[in-house]
C-alpha atoms as a PDB file:
ATOM      1  CA  MET A   1     -51.780 -46.654   0.800  1.00  0.00           C
ATOM      2  CA  ASP A   2     -54.995 -48.896   1.268  1.00  0.00           C
ATOM      3  CA  PHE A   3     -56.635 -49.209  -1.987  1.00  0.00           C
ATOM      4  CA  GLN A   4     -59.153 -51.461  -0.651  1.00  0.00           C
ATOM      5  CA  ASN A   5     -62.679 -50.916  -0.815  1.00  0.00           C
ATOM      6  CA  ARG A   6     -63.049 -49.267  -4.199  1.00  0.00           C
ATOM      7  CA  ALA A   7     -65.399 -49.457  -6.996  1.00  0.00           C
ATOM      8  CA  GLY A   8     -64.353 -52.291  -9.361  1.00  0.00           C
ATOM      9  CA  SER A   9     -62.242 -54.458  -6.821  1.00  0.00           C
ATOM     10  CA  LYS A  10     -62.835 -57.361  -4.728  1.00  0.00           C
ATOM     11  CA  PRO A  11     -62.368 -58.096  -1.002  1.00  0.00           C
ATOM     12  CA  GLY A  12     -58.626 -58.675  -0.123  1.00  0.00           C
ATOM     13  CA  SER A  13     -57.401 -57.020  -3.121  1.00  0.00           C
ATOM     14  CA  GLY A  14     -56.316 -53.853  -4.379  1.00  0.00           C
ATOM     15  CA  GLY A  15     -58.628 -51.707  -6.753  1.00  0.00           C
ATOM     16  CA  VAL A  16     -56.715 -49.780  -9.548  1.00  0.00           C
ATOM     17  CA  ALA A  17     -55.778 -46.409  -8.252  1.00  0.00           C
ATOM     18  CA  GLY A  18     -56.722 -43.289 -10.303  1.00  0.00           C
ATOM     19  CA  TYR A  19     -53.593 -40.508 -11.702  1.00  0.00           C
ATOM     20  CA  SER A  20     -54.156 -38.167  -8.230  1.00  0.00           C
ATOM     21  CA  GLU A  21     -53.918 -40.568  -5.484  1.00  0.00           C
ATOM     22  CA  SER A  22     -50.753 -42.121  -7.760  1.00  0.00           C
ATOM     23  CA  ASN A  23     -48.805 -38.815  -7.253  1.00  0.00           C
ATOM     24  CA  VAL A  24     -49.944 -38.339  -3.783  1.00  0.00           C
ATOM     25  CA  ASP A  25     -48.022 -41.852  -3.135  1.00  0.00           C
ATOM     26  CA  ARG A  26     -45.069 -40.824  -5.208  1.00  0.00           C
ATOM     27  CA  ARG A  27     -45.000 -37.377  -3.131  1.00  0.00           C
ATOM     28  CA  GLU A  28     -45.305 -39.258  -0.125  1.00  0.00           C
ATOM     29  CA  ARG A  29     -42.954 -41.965  -0.490  1.00  0.00           C
ATOM     30  CA  LEU A  30     -40.216 -39.041  -2.021  1.00  0.00           C
ATOM     31  CA  ARG A  31     -40.807 -37.115   0.947  1.00  0.00           C
ATOM     32  CA  LYS A  32     -39.837 -39.851   3.376  1.00  0.00           C
ATOM     33  CA  LEU A  33     -36.785 -40.816   1.380  1.00  0.00           C
ATOM     34  CA  ALA A  34     -35.867 -37.121   1.549  1.00  0.00           C
ATOM     35  CA  LEU A  35     -36.078 -36.833   5.004  1.00  0.00           C
ATOM     36  CA  GLU A  36     -33.854 -39.717   5.711  1.00  0.00           C
ATOM     37  CA  THR A  37     -30.746 -38.642   3.271  1.00  0.00           C
ATOM     38  CA  ILE A  38     -31.058 -34.653   3.029  1.00  0.00           C
ATOM     39  CA  ASP A  39     -29.967 -32.165   6.135  1.00  0.00           C
ATOM     40  CA  LEU A  40     -32.523 -28.943   5.987  1.00  0.00           C
ATOM     41  CA  ALA A  41     -30.127 -26.928   7.828  1.00  0.00           C
ATOM     42  CA  LYS A  42     -26.788 -27.496   4.404  1.00  0.00           C
ATOM     43  CA  ASP A  43     -29.146 -26.307   2.244  1.00  0.00           C
ATOM     44  CA  PRO A  44     -28.689 -22.693   0.630  1.00  0.00           C
ATOM     45  CA  TYR A  45     -32.392 -22.463  -0.210  1.00  0.00           C
ATOM     46  CA  PHE A  46     -34.472 -23.512   2.746  1.00  0.00           C
ATOM     47  CA  MET A  47     -35.316 -20.756   4.381  1.00  0.00           C
ATOM     48  CA  LYS A  48     -38.283 -20.270   7.248  1.00  0.00           C
ATOM     49  CA  ASN A  49     -40.145 -17.288   7.231  1.00  0.00           C
ATOM     50  CA  HIS A  50     -41.783 -14.955  10.020  1.00  0.00           C
ATOM     51  CA  LEU A  51     -45.483 -16.766   9.133  1.00  0.00           C
ATOM     52  CA  GLY A  52     -43.767 -19.947  10.036  1.00  0.00           C
ATOM     53  CA  THR A  53     -44.374 -21.641   6.662  1.00  0.00           C
ATOM     54  CA  TYR A  54     -41.008 -22.289   4.154  1.00  0.00           C
ATOM     55  CA  GLU A  55     -40.151 -20.664   1.312  1.00  0.00           C
ATOM     56  CA  CYS A  56     -37.781 -22.286  -1.629  1.00  0.00           C
ATOM     57  CA  LYS A  57     -35.221 -19.048  -2.185  1.00  0.00           C
ATOM     58  CA  LEU A  58     -34.504 -20.754  -5.490  1.00  0.00           C
ATOM     59  CA  CYS A  59     -37.710 -21.586  -7.007  1.00  0.00           C
ATOM     60  CA  LEU A  60     -39.707 -18.602  -4.970  1.00  0.00           C
ATOM     61  CA  THR A  61     -42.434 -21.170  -3.986  1.00  0.00           C
ATOM     62  CA  LEU A  62     -44.216 -21.634  -0.634  1.00  0.00           C
ATOM     63  CA  HIS A  63     -44.664 -24.893   1.810  1.00  0.00           C
ATOM     64  CA  THR A  64     -46.482 -25.702   4.726  1.00  0.00           C
ATOM     65  CA  ASN A  65     -44.248 -27.769   6.136  1.00  0.00           C
ATOM     66  CA  GLU A  66     -40.722 -29.592   5.973  1.00  0.00           C
ATOM     67  CA  GLY A  67     -42.042 -32.979   3.962  1.00  0.00           C
ATOM     68  CA  SER A  68     -43.403 -30.186   1.348  1.00  0.00           C
ATOM     69  CA  TYR A  69     -40.393 -28.410   0.593  1.00  0.00           C
ATOM     70  CA  LEU A  70     -38.442 -31.775   0.156  1.00  0.00           C
ATOM     71  CA  ALA A  71     -41.142 -33.118  -1.669  1.00  0.00           C
ATOM     72  CA  HIS A  72     -40.668 -30.202  -4.340  1.00  0.00           C
ATOM     73  CA  THR A  73     -36.981 -30.379  -4.115  1.00  0.00           C
ATOM     74  CA  GLN A  74     -36.919 -33.549  -6.252  1.00  0.00           C
ATOM     75  CA  GLY A  75     -39.747 -31.916  -8.409  1.00  0.00           C
ATOM     76  CA  LYS A  76     -38.990 -30.978 -11.758  1.00  0.00           C
ATOM     77  CA  LYS A  77     -38.976 -27.454 -11.186  1.00  0.00           C
ATOM     78  CA  HIS A  78     -36.288 -27.561  -8.749  1.00  0.00           C
ATOM     79  CA  GLN A  79     -34.279 -29.381 -10.395  1.00  0.00           C
ATOM     80  CA  THR A  80     -34.097 -27.280 -13.522  1.00  0.00           C
ATOM     81  CA  ASN A  81     -33.046 -24.424 -12.009  1.00  0.00           C
ATOM     82  CA  LEU A  82     -30.517 -26.067 -10.253  1.00  0.00           C
ATOM     83  CA  ALA A  83     -29.497 -26.892 -13.563  1.00  0.00           C
ATOM     84  CA  ARG A  84     -29.636 -23.054 -14.830  1.00  0.00           C
ATOM     85  CA  ARG A  85     -27.980 -22.034 -11.636  1.00  0.00           C
ATOM     86  CA  ALA A  86     -25.044 -24.478 -11.730  1.00  0.00           C
ATOM     87  CA  ALA A  87     -24.916 -23.663 -15.589  1.00  0.00           C
ATOM     88  CA  LYS A  88     -24.596 -20.047 -14.430  1.00  0.00           C
ATOM     89  CA  ASP A  89     -21.948 -20.287 -11.842  1.00  0.00           C
ATOM     90  CA  ALA A  90     -19.781 -22.188 -14.072  1.00  0.00           C
ATOM     91  CA  LYS A  91     -19.957 -19.527 -16.527  1.00  0.00           C
ATOM     92  CA  ASP A  92     -19.089 -16.627 -14.236  1.00  0.00           C
ATOM     93  CA  GLN A  93     -16.374 -18.373 -12.647  1.00  0.00           C
ATOM     94  CA  GLU A  94     -14.801 -19.214 -16.330  1.00  0.00           C
ATOM     95  CA  THR A  95     -14.990 -14.609 -16.321  1.00  0.00           C
ATOM     96  CA  GLN A  96     -14.022 -14.209 -12.760  1.00  0.00           C
ATOM     97  CA  MET A  97     -10.828 -16.928 -12.821  1.00  0.00           C
ATOM     98  CA  PRO A  98      -8.257 -15.064 -14.648  1.00  0.00           C
ATOM     99  CA  LYS A  99      -8.827 -12.079 -11.862  1.00  0.00           C
ATOM    100  CA  LEU A 100      -8.869 -14.156  -9.115  1.00  0.00           C
ATOM    101  CA  ILE A 101      -5.706 -15.620  -9.972  1.00  0.00           C
ATOM    102  CA  GLU A 102      -4.141 -11.683 -10.825  1.00  0.00           C
ATOM    103  CA  ALA A 103      -5.123 -10.626  -7.463  1.00  0.00           C
ATOM    104  CA  ALA A 104      -4.024 -13.742  -5.606  1.00  0.00           C
ATOM    105  CA  LYS A 105      -0.601 -13.421  -7.138  1.00  0.00           C
ATOM    106  CA  PRO A 106       2.311 -11.583  -4.518  1.00  0.00           C
ATOM    107  CA  LYS A 107       2.968  -7.862  -5.148  1.00  0.00           C
ATOM    108  CA  VAL A 108       6.535  -8.377  -4.819  1.00  0.00           C
ATOM    109  CA  GLU A 109       8.212  -5.370  -6.717  1.00  0.00           C
ATOM    110  CA  ILE A 110      11.292  -6.816  -8.721  1.00  0.00           C
ATOM    111  CA  LYS A 111      14.425  -5.006  -7.916  1.00  0.00           C
ATOM    112  CA  ARG A 112      16.163  -3.533 -10.197  1.00  0.00           C
ATOM    113  CA  VAL A 113      20.102  -4.385 -10.891  1.00  0.00           C
ATOM    114  CA  ALA A 114      21.787  -1.844 -13.029  1.00  0.00           C
ATOM    115  CA  VAL A 115      25.754  -2.552 -13.225  1.00  0.00           C
ATOM    116  CA  LYS A 116      27.919  -0.138 -11.822  1.00  0.00           C
ATOM    117  CA  ILE A 117      30.263   2.517 -14.028  1.00  0.00           C
ATOM    118  CA  GLY A 118      32.205   3.746 -10.692  1.00  0.00           C
ATOM    119  CA  ARG A 119      32.779   6.502  -8.586  1.00  0.00           C
ATOM    120  CA  PRO A 120      30.944  10.109  -9.721  1.00  0.00           C
ATOM    121  CA  GLY A 121      33.434  12.799  -9.269  1.00  0.00           C
ATOM    122  CA  TYR A 122      32.759  15.674  -6.795  1.00  0.00           C
ATOM    123  CA  ASN A 123      34.342  19.125  -4.925  1.00  0.00           C
ATOM    124  CA  VAL A 124      34.120  19.726  -1.210  1.00  0.00           C
ATOM    125  CA  THR A 125      33.844  23.355  -0.266  1.00  0.00           C
ATOM    126  CA  LYS A 126      33.906  24.896   3.384  1.00  0.00           C
ATOM    127  CA  VAL A 127      31.579  27.480   3.656  1.00  0.00           C
ATOM    128  CA  ARG A 128      30.464  30.055   6.740  1.00  0.00           C
ATOM    129  CA  ASP A 129      27.463  32.238   7.735  1.00  0.00           C
ATOM    130  CA  PRO A 130      28.380  35.649   7.519  1.00  0.00           C
ATOM    131  CA  THR A 131      25.718  36.371   9.729  1.00  0.00           C
ATOM    132  CA  THR A 132      25.885  33.407  12.547  1.00  0.00           C
ATOM    133  CA  ARG A 133      29.300  32.430  11.826  1.00  0.00           C
ATOM    134  CA  GLN A 134      28.103  28.914  11.298  1.00  0.00           C
ATOM    135  CA  VAL A 135      30.389  26.445   9.541  1.00  0.00           C
ATOM    136  CA  GLY A 136      29.050  24.377   7.109  1.00  0.00           C
ATOM    137  CA  LEU A 137      30.211  22.539   4.010  1.00  0.00           C
ATOM    138  CA  LEU A 138      29.064  22.199   0.035  1.00  0.00           C
ATOM    139  CA  PHE A 139      29.425  18.980  -1.706  1.00  0.00           C
ATOM    140  CA  GLN A 140      28.652  19.268  -5.501  1.00  0.00           C
ATOM    141  CA  VAL A 141      28.780  15.318  -7.089  1.00  0.00           C
ATOM    142  CA  PHE A 142      29.004  15.151 -10.544  1.00  0.00           C
ATOM    143  CA  TYR A 143      26.472  12.152 -12.651  1.00  0.00           C
ATOM    144  CA  PRO A 144      27.548  12.671 -16.694  1.00  0.00           C
ATOM    145  CA  GLU A 145      26.304   9.189 -17.001  1.00  0.00           C
ATOM    146  CA  ILE A 146      23.264   8.973 -14.669  1.00  0.00           C
ATOM    147  CA  GLY A 147      20.487   6.674 -15.637  1.00  0.00           C
ATOM    148  CA  GLU A 148      17.240   8.320 -17.199  1.00  0.00           C
ATOM    149  CA  GLY A 149      14.549   9.759 -14.754  1.00  0.00           C
ATOM    150  CA  ILE A 150      16.991   9.009 -11.791  1.00  0.00           C
ATOM    151  CA  LYS A 151      16.975  12.003  -8.995  1.00  0.00           C
ATOM    152  CA  PRO A 152      20.235  11.212  -6.700  1.00  0.00           C
ATOM    153  CA  ARG A 153      19.749  10.567  -2.805  1.00  0.00           C
ATOM    154  CA  HIS A 154      21.552  11.375   0.455  1.00  0.00           C
ATOM    155  CA  ARG A 155      21.938   9.848   3.891  1.00  0.00           C
ATOM    156  CA  PHE A 156      23.219  10.802   6.890  1.00  0.00           C
ATOM    157  CA  MET A 157      24.630   7.838   8.411  1.00  0.00           C
ATOM    158  CA  ASN A 158      25.920   7.369  12.143  1.00  0.00           C
ATOM    159  CA  ALA A 159      29.229   5.752  12.779  1.00  0.00           C
ATOM    160  CA  PHE A 160      27.916   2.761  14.317  1.00  0.00           C
ATOM    161  CA  GLU A 161      25.652   1.991  11.320  1.00  0.00           C
ATOM    162  CA  GLN A 162      28.369   0.851   9.138  1.00  0.00           C
ATOM    163  CA  HIS A 163      31.117  -1.906   9.134  1.00  0.00           C
ATOM    164  CA  GLN A 164      34.049  -0.934   7.427  1.00  0.00           C
ATOM    165  CA  GLU A 165      35.765   1.022   9.781  1.00  0.00           C
ATOM    166  CA  LEU A 166      35.831   0.638  13.658  1.00  0.00           C
ATOM    167  CA  PRO A 167      33.337   3.285  14.877  1.00  0.00           C
ATOM    168  CA  ASN A 168      33.888   6.762  15.951  1.00  0.00           C
ATOM    169  CA  ARG A 169      31.872   8.739  17.920  1.00  0.00           C
ATOM    170  CA  ALA A 170      33.467  12.084  16.933  1.00  0.00           C
ATOM    171  CA  ILE A 171      32.250  11.590  12.887  1.00  0.00           C
ATOM    172  CA  GLN A 172      29.345  10.690  11.222  1.00  0.00           C
ATOM    173  CA  TYR A 173      28.828   9.698   7.360  1.00  0.00           C
ATOM    174  CA  LEU A 174      27.569  11.341   4.548  1.00  0.00           C
ATOM    175  CA  ILE A 175      25.996   8.894   1.617  1.00  0.00           C
ATOM    176  CA  PHE A 176      25.184   9.882  -1.619  1.00  0.00           C
ATOM    177  CA  ALA A 177      23.417   7.898  -4.176  1.00  0.00           C
ATOM    178  CA  ALA A 178      22.685   7.387  -8.039  1.00  0.00           C
ATOM    179  CA  GLU A 179      22.644   4.239 -10.310  1.00  0.00           C
ATOM    180  CA  PRO A 180      24.646   3.371 -12.269  1.00  0.00           C
ATOM    181  CA  TYR A 181      27.535   5.178 -10.089  1.00  0.00           C
ATOM    182  CA  GLU A 182      28.441   3.356  -7.077  1.00  0.00           C
ATOM    183  CA  ASN A 183      27.894   5.009  -3.838  1.00  0.00           C
ATOM    184  CA  VAL A 184      30.420   7.420  -1.965  1.00  0.00           C
ATOM    185  CA  SER A 185      30.666   8.798   1.630  1.00  0.00           C
ATOM    186  CA  PHE A 186      32.120  11.568   3.578  1.00  0.00           C
ATOM    187  CA  ARG A 187      33.139  11.502   6.989  1.00  0.00           C
ATOM    188  CA  VAL A 188      31.987  14.631   9.107  1.00  0.00           C
ATOM    189  CA  GLN A 189      32.100  15.595  12.304  1.00  0.00           C
ATOM    190  CA  ALA A 190      29.052  14.138  14.649  1.00  0.00           C
ATOM    191  CA  ARG A 191      27.715  17.987  14.853  1.00  0.00           C
ATOM    192  CA  GLU A 192      23.983  18.531  15.033  1.00  0.00           C
ATOM    193  CA  ILE A 193      22.329  19.875  11.340  1.00  0.00           C
ATOM    194  CA  ASP A 194      20.929  23.158  11.536  1.00  0.00           C
ATOM    195  CA  ARG A 195      18.083  21.898   9.101  1.00  0.00           C
ATOM    196  CA  ALA A 196      16.399  25.364   9.329  1.00  0.00           C
ATOM    197  CA  GLU A 197      14.706  27.128   6.601  1.00  0.00           C
ATOM    198  CA  GLY A 198      17.519  28.221   4.182  1.00  0.00           C
ATOM    199  CA  ARG A 199      20.106  26.798   6.527  1.00  0.00           C
ATOM    200  CA  PHE A 200      19.983  23.253   4.939  1.00  0.00           C
ATOM    201  CA  TRP A 201      19.073  22.985   1.005  1.00  0.00           C
ATOM    202  CA  THR A 202      19.575  20.746  -2.406  1.00  0.00           C
ATOM    203  CA  TYR A 203      19.762  21.446  -5.846  1.00  0.00           C
ATOM    204  CA  TRP A 204      19.647  18.823  -8.749  1.00  0.00           C
ATOM    205  CA  ASP A 205      20.617  20.327 -11.337  1.00  0.00           C
ATOM    206  CA  PRO A 206      19.494  17.893 -14.616  1.00  0.00           C
ATOM    207  CA  ASP A 207      21.442  19.986 -17.287  1.00  0.00           C
ATOM    208  CA  GLY A 208      24.680  20.272 -15.718  1.00  0.00           C
ATOM    209  CA  LYS A 209      24.276  16.511 -13.942  1.00  0.00           C
ATOM    210  CA  THR A 210      25.001  17.926 -10.882  1.00  0.00           C
ATOM    211  CA  TYR A 211      24.090  17.096  -7.229  1.00  0.00           C
ATOM    212  CA  SER A 212      24.440  19.908  -4.817  1.00  0.00           C
ATOM    213  CA  LEU A 213      24.233  19.897  -0.809  1.00  0.00           C
ATOM    214  CA  GLN A 214      24.819  21.965   1.486  1.00  0.00           C
ATOM    215  CA  PHE A 215      24.087  22.046   5.429  1.00  0.00           C
ATOM    216  CA  LEU A 216      25.256  23.915   8.656  1.00  0.00           C
ATOM    217  CA  PHE A 217      26.771  22.525  12.168  1.00  0.00           C
ATOM    218  CA  LYS A 218      24.394  24.356  14.498  1.00  0.00           C
ATOM    219  CA  ASN A 219      26.824  26.642  16.939  1.00  0.00           C
ATOM    220  CA  GLU A 220      27.373  25.123  20.115  1.00  0.00           C
ATOM    221  CA  ARG A 221      27.178  28.675  22.178  1.00  0.00           C
ATOM    222  CA  PRO A 222      25.796  31.675  21.122  1.00  0.00           C
ATOM    223  CA  VAL A 223      27.094  34.328  19.135  1.00  0.00           C
ATOM    224  CA  GLY A 224      28.400  37.773  20.488  1.00  0.00           C
ATOM    225  CA  TYR A 225      30.376  39.439  17.489  1.00  0.00           C
ATOM    226  CA  LEU A 226      30.520  39.775  14.348  1.00  0.00           C
ATOM    227  CA  GLY A 227      33.847  39.127  12.891  1.00  0.00           C
ATOM    228  CA  GLY A 228      35.454  41.956  10.746  1.00  0.00           C
ATOM    229  CA  GLY A 229      36.518  45.763  11.123  1.00  0.00           C
ATOM    230  CA  GLY A 230      35.108  48.406  13.149  1.00  0.00           C
ATOM    231  CA  SER A 231      32.825  47.836  16.432  1.00  0.00           C
ATOM    232  CA  GLY A 232      29.003  48.160  16.000  1.00  0.00           C
ATOM    233  CA  GLY A 233      28.874  47.214  11.753  1.00  0.00           C
ATOM    234  CA  PRO A 234      28.355  44.607   9.679  1.00  0.00           C
ATOM    235  CA  GLY A 235      32.375  43.647   9.643  1.00  0.00           C
ATOM    236  CA  GLY A 236      32.588  45.391  13.293  1.00  0.00           C
ATOM    237  CA  GLY A 237      32.893  44.080  17.046  1.00  0.00           C
ATOM    238  CA  PRO A 238      30.533  43.597  19.647  1.00  0.00           C
ATOM    239  CA  MET A 239      26.763  43.324  18.933  1.00  0.00           C
ATOM    240  CA  ALA A 240      25.513  42.750  22.545  1.00  0.00           C
ATOM    241  CA  GLY A 241      24.373  39.412  21.418  1.00  0.00           C
ATOM    242  CA  ASN A 242      21.796  40.279  18.254  1.00  0.00           C
ATOM    243  CA  VAL A 243      22.953  39.508  14.908  1.00  0.00           C
ATOM    244  CA  MET A 244      22.393  41.805  11.709  1.00  0.00           C
ATOM    245  CA  PRO A 245      19.957  40.364   9.219  1.00  0.00           C
ATOM    246  CA  THR A 246      21.277  39.380   5.967  1.00  0.00           C
ATOM    247  CA  VAL A 247      19.330  39.692   2.720  1.00  0.00           C
ATOM    248  CA  GLY A 248      18.945  36.467   1.242  1.00  0.00           C
ATOM    249  CA  ASN A 249      21.421  33.504   1.379  1.00  0.00           C
ATOM    250  CA  PRO A 250      24.773  34.591   0.751  1.00  0.00           C
ATOM    251  CA  LEU A 251      25.309  30.206   0.669  1.00  0.00           C
ATOM    252  CA  ASN A 252      23.081  29.447  -1.472  1.00  0.00           C
ATOM    253  CA  PRO A 253      22.531  31.022  -4.853  1.00  0.00           C
ATOM    254  CA  TYR A 254      19.704  29.293  -5.361  1.00  0.00           C
ATOM    255  CA  ALA A 255      17.375  30.872  -3.209  1.00  0.00           C
ATOM    256  CA  PRO A 256      15.070  33.810  -4.044  1.00  0.00           C
ATOM    257  CA  PRO A 257      15.101  36.976  -2.257  1.00  0.00           C
ATOM    258  CA  PRO A 258      13.164  38.194   0.833  1.00  0.00           C
ATOM    259  CA  ALA A 259      10.110  39.736  -0.971  1.00  0.00           C
ATOM    260  CA  GLY A 260      10.742  44.167  -0.937  1.00  0.00           C
ATOM    261  CA  TYR A 261      14.040  43.803  -1.661  1.00  0.00           C
ATOM    262  CA  MET A 262      14.789  45.306  -4.692  1.00  0.00           C
ATOM    263  CA  ARG A 263      18.616  43.933  -6.875  1.00  0.00           C
END
């Protein structure tokens, strides 16, 4: 900056600069230095508004050009606000860090390992529907030492899913499971199960610790008669392809009677 031709100065020498001139010179030097060292594209607080001027989103100040904004970033107000923002971010990070660590932990369900105490007792009964002549099985599995809050489960498994015996297309496996007992499986015919209402049911007795499951196989051919004595009645002969309606389900002692039926 040229300080010649000032009052009290000698030719060839600089005069005494006042406070305003020194401040302008200082801001100009800071602006040039900031332009060389600071990349405004990476400054999160630098924004150009719709009027063509520049704003500091941290200090909420307006600037006519980039140099003015850079000079502002070197000032006391901007540096103080930067320090306050850094302190606030550090405090928020300390409070949120435990939550972030907890959220980043993998949600792995710990598999419960129970000591097996042996196989449960069971009872298998052959059943037949007196109306449709469908045959089926009733399984009763006893779990006197079953774990607290555990309900037995069952599953039908194809012969080709197991690796204990040679696969046989004619059979399938019915598996019962409940901790801490070992799984038990039964070989049944590989026929289609009738899962219509009242044909397939399960019941868990929490007092008697007994799990009951009954199912019926679907008929492979239509039913033409009901076995028994005389013709035309519930125990009679040909019914011309029709079947007599029954009251409730005689194979399911837990099924409610139909509406309107009086015992």
